[in-house]
């Protein structure tokens, strides 16, 4: 969990930083990546999520395509968080994020910058945008199938 107070202004800054400067956007080079496609009928979102696992750990996570501000930032933060995790840890991360979005009890310690989306559940039109990358990644690592 961040060591600072997560104000609405800081949440906006985190989201805009990952939207303006995504760290994990781009088609990966090399072999061994799994990919899943996700899109939305309600927004411009249309992108692929990529994961590469080695030795039981996620060693790279990327995404490529067109995405709105919320999808871009959320998916980029997800990629930051899962690198270095095993599938079980990554699935737990997804579960905690979804619980937060659904305004259920969650473990904020594992979410880090993803806490910037804690008020998304109050914005019904943005829930799908915030979660599509997460459900796609969960599908890639053997979690639940995405409902896109």
C-alpha atoms as a PDB file:
ATOM      1  CA  UNK A   1       0.000   0.000   0.000  1.00  0.00           C
ATOM      2  CA  UNK A   2       1.372   3.440  -0.766  1.00  0.00           C
ATOM      3  CA  UNK A   3       3.031   5.214   2.130  1.00  0.00           C
ATOM      4  CA  UNK A   4       1.213   8.438   1.272  1.00  0.00           C
ATOM      5  CA  UNK A   5      -2.400   9.524   1.479  1.00  0.00           C
ATOM      6  CA  UNK A   6      -4.180   8.494  -1.697  1.00  0.00           C
ATOM      7  CA  UNK A   7      -6.164  11.646  -2.444  1.00  0.00           C
ATOM      8  CA  UNK A   8      -8.406  12.048  -5.495  1.00  0.00           C
ATOM      9  CA  UNK A   9      -5.729  14.312  -7.022  1.00  0.00           C
ATOM     10  CA  UNK A  10      -2.997  11.686  -6.576  1.00  0.00           C
ATOM     11  CA  UNK A  11      -5.275   8.991  -8.011  1.00  0.00           C
ATOM     12  CA  UNK A  12      -5.848  11.169 -11.105  1.00  0.00           C
ATOM     13  CA  UNK A  13      -2.101  11.788 -11.418  1.00  0.00           C
ATOM     14  CA  UNK A  14      -1.329   8.053 -11.269  1.00  0.00           C
ATOM     15  CA  UNK A  15      -3.962   7.308 -13.911  1.00  0.00           C
ATOM     16  CA  UNK A  16      -2.829  10.131 -16.200  1.00  0.00           C
ATOM     17  CA  UNK A  17       0.837   9.160 -15.814  1.00  0.00           C
ATOM     18  CA  UNK A  18       0.177   5.585 -16.951  1.00  0.00           C
ATOM     19  CA  UNK A  19      -2.102   6.819 -19.738  1.00  0.00           C
ATOM     20  CA  UNK A  20       0.387   9.387 -21.043  1.00  0.00           C
ATOM     21  CA  UNK A  21       3.478   7.225 -20.528  1.00  0.00           C
ATOM     22  CA  UNK A  22       2.506   3.548 -20.570  1.00  0.00           C
ATOM     23  CA  UNK A  23       5.504   1.420 -19.594  1.00  0.00           C
ATOM     24  CA  UNK A  24       4.262  -1.888 -20.967  1.00  0.00           C
ATOM     25  CA  UNK A  25       2.547  -0.955 -24.227  1.00  0.00           C
ATOM     26  CA  UNK A  26       3.834  -2.669 -27.339  1.00  0.00           C
ATOM     27  CA  UNK A  27       3.907  -6.014 -29.064  1.00  0.00           C
ATOM     28  CA  UNK A  28       6.565  -8.109 -27.366  1.00  0.00           C
ATOM     29  CA  UNK A  29       9.549  -9.418 -29.254  1.00  0.00           C
ATOM     30  CA  UNK A  30      10.841 -12.884 -28.711  1.00  0.00           C
ATOM     31  CA  UNK A  31       9.105 -16.169 -28.190  1.00  0.00           C
ATOM     32  CA  UNK A  32       7.122 -17.759 -25.406  1.00  0.00           C
ATOM     33  CA  UNK A  33       4.375 -15.181 -25.002  1.00  0.00           C
ATOM     34  CA  UNK A  34       0.737 -16.136 -24.550  1.00  0.00           C
ATOM     35  CA  UNK A  35      -1.821 -13.667 -25.865  1.00  0.00           C
ATOM     36  CA  UNK A  36      -5.507 -12.964 -25.434  1.00  0.00           C
ATOM     37  CA  UNK A  37      -7.626 -10.351 -27.189  1.00  0.00           C
ATOM     38  CA  UNK A  38     -10.174  -8.185 -25.432  1.00  0.00           C
ATOM     39  CA  UNK A  39     -12.485  -5.442 -26.632  1.00  0.00           C
ATOM     40  CA  UNK A  40     -15.541  -3.456 -25.661  1.00  0.00           C
ATOM     41  CA  UNK A  41     -18.776  -2.640 -27.445  1.00  0.00           C
ATOM     42  CA  UNK A  42     -19.211   0.455 -25.260  1.00  0.00           C
ATOM     43  CA  UNK A  43     -15.794   2.091 -25.620  1.00  0.00           C
ATOM     44  CA  UNK A  44     -12.853   2.314 -28.042  1.00  0.00           C
ATOM     45  CA  UNK A  45     -11.023  -0.446 -26.167  1.00  0.00           C
ATOM     46  CA  UNK A  46      -9.624  -3.092 -28.492  1.00  0.00           C
ATOM     47  CA  UNK A  47      -6.328  -4.600 -27.385  1.00  0.00           C
ATOM     48  CA  UNK A  48      -4.245  -7.708 -26.777  1.00  0.00           C
ATOM     49  CA  UNK A  49      -2.659  -8.704 -23.468  1.00  0.00           C
ATOM     50  CA  UNK A  50       0.578 -10.703 -23.510  1.00  0.00           C
ATOM     51  CA  UNK A  51       2.261 -12.707 -20.747  1.00  0.00           C
ATOM     52  CA  UNK A  52       5.532 -14.589 -20.710  1.00  0.00           C
ATOM     53  CA  UNK A  53       6.209 -17.084 -17.932  1.00  0.00           C
ATOM     54  CA  UNK A  54       9.512 -18.785 -17.153  1.00  0.00           C
ATOM     55  CA  UNK A  55      10.346 -20.996 -14.208  1.00  0.00           C
ATOM     56  CA  UNK A  56       6.862 -20.581 -12.791  1.00  0.00           C
ATOM     57  CA  UNK A  57       7.090 -16.772 -12.704  1.00  0.00           C
ATOM     58  CA  UNK A  58       5.713 -14.050 -14.953  1.00  0.00           C
ATOM     59  CA  UNK A  59       8.803 -12.473 -16.493  1.00  0.00           C
ATOM     60  CA  UNK A  60       7.026 -10.032 -18.797  1.00  0.00           C
ATOM     61  CA  UNK A  61       3.548  -8.630 -19.314  1.00  0.00           C
ATOM     62  CA  UNK A  62       2.598  -6.288 -22.135  1.00  0.00           C
ATOM     63  CA  UNK A  63      -0.418  -4.992 -23.986  1.00  0.00           C
ATOM     64  CA  UNK A  64      -0.985  -3.465 -27.416  1.00  0.00           C
ATOM     65  CA  UNK A  65      -3.924  -1.825 -29.107  1.00  0.00           C
ATOM     66  CA  UNK A  66      -6.322   1.042 -28.664  1.00  0.00           C
ATOM     67  CA  UNK A  67      -7.634   1.836 -25.207  1.00  0.00           C
ATOM     68  CA  UNK A  68      -9.305   4.689 -23.359  1.00  0.00           C
ATOM     69  CA  UNK A  69      -7.603   6.438 -20.461  1.00  0.00           C
ATOM     70  CA  UNK A  70      -8.988   4.064 -17.839  1.00  0.00           C
ATOM     71  CA  UNK A  71      -8.188   0.854 -19.754  1.00  0.00           C
ATOM     72  CA  UNK A  72      -4.717   2.072 -20.675  1.00  0.00           C
ATOM     73  CA  UNK A  73      -3.751   3.070 -17.141  1.00  0.00           C
ATOM     74  CA  UNK A  74      -5.359   0.064 -15.473  1.00  0.00           C
ATOM     75  CA  UNK A  75      -3.794  -2.486 -17.822  1.00  0.00           C
ATOM     76  CA  UNK A  76      -0.393  -0.797 -17.651  1.00  0.00           C
ATOM     77  CA  UNK A  77      -0.453  -0.823 -13.838  1.00  0.00           C
ATOM     78  CA  UNK A  78      -1.491  -4.475 -13.947  1.00  0.00           C
ATOM     79  CA  UNK A  79       1.535  -5.308 -16.088  1.00  0.00           C
ATOM     80  CA  UNK A  80       3.791  -3.502 -13.588  1.00  0.00           C
ATOM     81  CA  UNK A  81       2.355  -5.468 -10.689  1.00  0.00           C
ATOM     82  CA  UNK A  82       2.406  -9.018 -12.093  1.00  0.00           C
ATOM     83  CA  UNK A  83       6.003  -9.150 -13.304  1.00  0.00           C
ATOM     84  CA  UNK A  84       7.846 -11.394 -10.857  1.00  0.00           C
ATOM     85  CA  UNK A  85       4.691 -13.082  -9.555  1.00  0.00           C
ATOM     86  CA  UNK A  86       3.706 -16.697 -10.020  1.00  0.00           C
ATOM     87  CA  UNK A  87       0.266 -17.490 -11.426  1.00  0.00           C
ATOM     88  CA  UNK A  88      -1.262 -17.936  -7.968  1.00  0.00           C
ATOM     89  CA  UNK A  89      -0.012 -14.543  -6.787  1.00  0.00           C
ATOM     90  CA  UNK A  90      -1.183 -12.883  -9.998  1.00  0.00           C
ATOM     91  CA  UNK A  91      -4.614 -14.506  -9.688  1.00  0.00           C
ATOM     92  CA  UNK A  92      -4.843 -13.244  -6.093  1.00  0.00           C
ATOM     93  CA  UNK A  93      -3.934  -9.754  -7.346  1.00  0.00           C
ATOM     94  CA  UNK A  94      -6.757  -9.931  -9.890  1.00  0.00           C
ATOM     95  CA  UNK A  95      -9.193 -11.156  -7.234  1.00  0.00           C
ATOM     96  CA  UNK A  96      -8.243  -8.297  -4.897  1.00  0.00           C
ATOM     97  CA  UNK A  97      -8.626  -5.741  -7.695  1.00  0.00           C
ATOM     98  CA  UNK A  98     -12.045  -7.104  -8.636  1.00  0.00           C
ATOM     99  CA  UNK A  99     -13.159  -7.082  -4.994  1.00  0.00           C
ATOM    100  CA  UNK A 100     -12.066  -3.444  -4.732  1.00  0.00           C
ATOM    101  CA  UNK A 101     -13.967  -2.529  -7.908  1.00  0.00           C
ATOM    102  CA  UNK A 102     -17.043  -4.371  -6.618  1.00  0.00           C
ATOM    103  CA  UNK A 103     -16.696  -2.425  -3.330  1.00  0.00           C
ATOM    104  CA  UNK A 104     -16.155  -5.627  -1.346  1.00  0.00           C
ATOM    105  CA  UNK A 105     -13.417  -6.195   1.261  1.00  0.00           C
ATOM    106  CA  UNK A 106      -9.964  -6.423  -0.349  1.00  0.00           C
ATOM    107  CA  UNK A 107      -6.270  -6.472   0.553  1.00  0.00           C
ATOM    108  CA  UNK A 108      -4.912  -3.103  -0.521  1.00  0.00           C
ATOM    109  CA  UNK A 109      -1.359  -4.178   0.302  1.00  0.00           C
ATOM    110  CA  UNK A 110      -1.082  -6.156  -2.944  1.00  0.00           C
ATOM    111  CA  UNK A 111      -2.655  -3.503  -5.184  1.00  0.00           C
ATOM    112  CA  UNK A 112      -0.159  -0.625  -4.862  1.00  0.00           C
ATOM    113  CA  UNK A 113      -0.842   1.886  -7.687  1.00  0.00           C
ATOM    114  CA  UNK A 114      -3.958  -0.053  -8.702  1.00  0.00           C
ATOM    115  CA  UNK A 115      -5.579   1.555  -5.658  1.00  0.00           C
ATOM    116  CA  UNK A 116      -5.986   4.600  -7.912  1.00  0.00           C
ATOM    117  CA  UNK A 117      -9.077   2.811  -9.262  1.00  0.00           C
ATOM    118  CA  UNK A 118     -10.753   2.313  -5.878  1.00  0.00           C
ATOM    119  CA  UNK A 119     -13.622   4.662  -6.745  1.00  0.00           C
ATOM    120  CA  UNK A 120     -14.291   3.090 -10.144  1.00  0.00           C
ATOM    121  CA  UNK A 121     -17.094   0.944  -8.752  1.00  0.00           C
ATOM    122  CA  UNK A 122     -19.088   4.146  -8.300  1.00  0.00           C
ATOM    123  CA  UNK A 123     -18.807   4.836 -12.042  1.00  0.00           C
ATOM    124  CA  UNK A 124     -20.701   2.015 -13.717  1.00  0.00           C
ATOM    125  CA  UNK A 125     -19.665   3.075 -17.223  1.00  0.00           C
ATOM    126  CA  UNK A 126     -15.978   2.738 -16.272  1.00  0.00           C
ATOM    127  CA  UNK A 127     -16.017  -0.646 -14.537  1.00  0.00           C
ATOM    128  CA  UNK A 128     -15.553  -2.642 -17.731  1.00  0.00           C
ATOM    129  CA  UNK A 129     -12.788  -0.306 -18.923  1.00  0.00           C
ATOM    130  CA  UNK A 130     -10.892  -0.729 -15.656  1.00  0.00           C
ATOM    131  CA  UNK A 131     -11.235  -4.509 -15.509  1.00  0.00           C
ATOM    132  CA  UNK A 132     -10.843  -5.794 -19.076  1.00  0.00           C
ATOM    133  CA  UNK A 133      -7.054  -6.100 -18.970  1.00  0.00           C
ATOM    134  CA  UNK A 134      -7.281  -7.801 -15.591  1.00  0.00           C
ATOM    135  CA  UNK A 135      -9.792 -10.431 -16.722  1.00  0.00           C
ATOM    136  CA  UNK A 136      -7.743 -11.019 -19.895  1.00  0.00           C
ATOM    137  CA  UNK A 137      -4.569 -11.585 -17.899  1.00  0.00           C
ATOM    138  CA  UNK A 138      -6.376 -13.886 -15.482  1.00  0.00           C
ATOM    139  CA  UNK A 139      -7.506 -15.956 -18.450  1.00  0.00           C
ATOM    140  CA  UNK A 140      -3.910 -16.145 -19.721  1.00  0.00           C
ATOM    141  CA  UNK A 141      -2.548 -17.465 -16.434  1.00  0.00           C
ATOM    142  CA  UNK A 142      -5.264 -20.066 -16.042  1.00  0.00           C
ATOM    143  CA  UNK A 143      -7.721 -18.134 -13.906  1.00  0.00           C
ATOM    144  CA  UNK A 144     -11.277 -17.359 -14.902  1.00  0.00           C
ATOM    145  CA  UNK A 145     -12.325 -16.872 -18.498  1.00  0.00           C
ATOM    146  CA  UNK A 146     -12.908 -13.248 -19.410  1.00  0.00           C
ATOM    147  CA  UNK A 147     -16.474 -12.202 -20.129  1.00  0.00           C
ATOM    148  CA  UNK A 148     -15.650  -9.807 -22.941  1.00  0.00           C
END
